Amino acid sequence: MLSAVVDLLCCPVCRAPFECADRTLWCTGGHSFDISKQGYVSLLGGGGAVFVRTPPRCSVPEQDS
């Protein structure tokens, strides 16, 4: 079933086309995505959340020493 739509998919990292081989989708950019036992592929990145440091919402007054 996946082989019928693999030509419609592209790599979410580099936008290269996919090839299907041995339960894995490979792109020409070298990225790979495993095909599950159920036959689906998650194209979501597993990099985790990106945290950006933001300025504080309130400031603490400086104390004179």
Protein backbone atom coordinates (compact mmCIF):
# COMPACT_ATOMS: atom_id res chain seq x y z
CA MET A 1 0.00 0.00 0.00
CA LEU A 2 2.79 2.45 0.88
CA SER A 3 4.50 1.73 -2.42
CA ALA A 4 1.42 3.13 -4.17
CA VAL A 5 1.88 6.57 -2.56
CA VAL A 6 5.64 6.80 -1.98
CA ASP A 7 5.99 8.90 -5.16
CA LEU A 8 3.69 11.52 -3.60
CA LEU A 9 5.85 11.93 -0.48
CA CYS A 10 8.99 13.95 0.07
CA CYS A 11 11.47 14.16 2.91
CA PRO A 12 10.37 16.67 5.56
CA VAL A 13 14.00 17.57 6.25
CA CYS A 14 15.38 18.27 2.77
CA ARG A 15 12.35 17.88 0.46
CA ALA A 16 14.08 15.16 -1.60
CA PRO A 17 11.98 12.32 -3.07
CA PHE A 18 11.68 9.01 -1.20
CA GLU A 19 12.58 5.48 -2.20
CA CYS A 20 11.14 2.47 -0.38
CA ALA A 21 13.50 -0.37 0.58
CA ASP A 22 13.22 -3.01 3.32
CA ARG A 23 10.64 -1.39 5.62
CA THR A 24 12.44 1.97 5.38
CA LEU A 25 11.86 5.14 3.41
CA TRP A 26 15.14 6.68 2.23
CA CYS A 27 15.68 10.03 0.58
CA THR A 28 18.57 11.00 -1.68
CA GLY A 29 19.73 13.38 1.06
CA GLY A 30 20.51 10.41 3.33
CA HIS A 31 17.56 10.73 5.73
CA SER A 32 15.62 7.58 6.61
CA PHE A 33 12.27 6.82 8.23
CA ASP A 34 11.26 3.37 9.48
CA ILE A 35 8.01 1.75 8.39
CA SER A 36 6.09 0.34 11.37
CA LYS A 37 4.73 -3.21 11.58
CA GLN A 38 1.28 -1.72 11.01
CA GLY A 39 2.52 -0.11 7.78
CA TYR A 40 2.60 3.57 8.67
CA VAL A 41 5.53 5.99 8.64
CA SER A 42 5.92 8.93 10.98
CA LEU A 43 7.56 11.82 9.16
CA LEU A 44 7.69 13.95 12.29
CA GLY A 45 11.14 14.85 13.52
CA GLY A 46 12.26 13.44 16.84
CA GLY A 47 14.44 16.35 17.83
CA GLY A 48 12.28 17.32 20.80
CA ALA A 49 11.18 20.74 21.87
CA VAL A 50 13.28 23.81 21.24
CA PHE A 51 13.45 26.19 24.15
CA VAL A 52 14.18 29.84 23.60
CA ARG A 53 15.27 32.03 26.46
CA THR A 54 12.86 34.90 26.91
CA PRO A 55 13.35 38.03 28.99
CA PRO A 56 11.81 37.98 32.46
CA ARG A 57 8.26 39.26 32.78
CA CYS A 58 9.08 41.51 35.68
CA SER A 59 12.26 43.03 36.94
CA VAL A 60 13.60 42.97 40.46
CA PRO A 61 14.74 46.36 41.73
CA GLU A 62 18.42 46.58 42.53
CA GLN A 63 19.31 46.95 46.19
CA ASP A 64 21.83 49.54 47.34
CA SER A 65 24.62 48.02 49.37
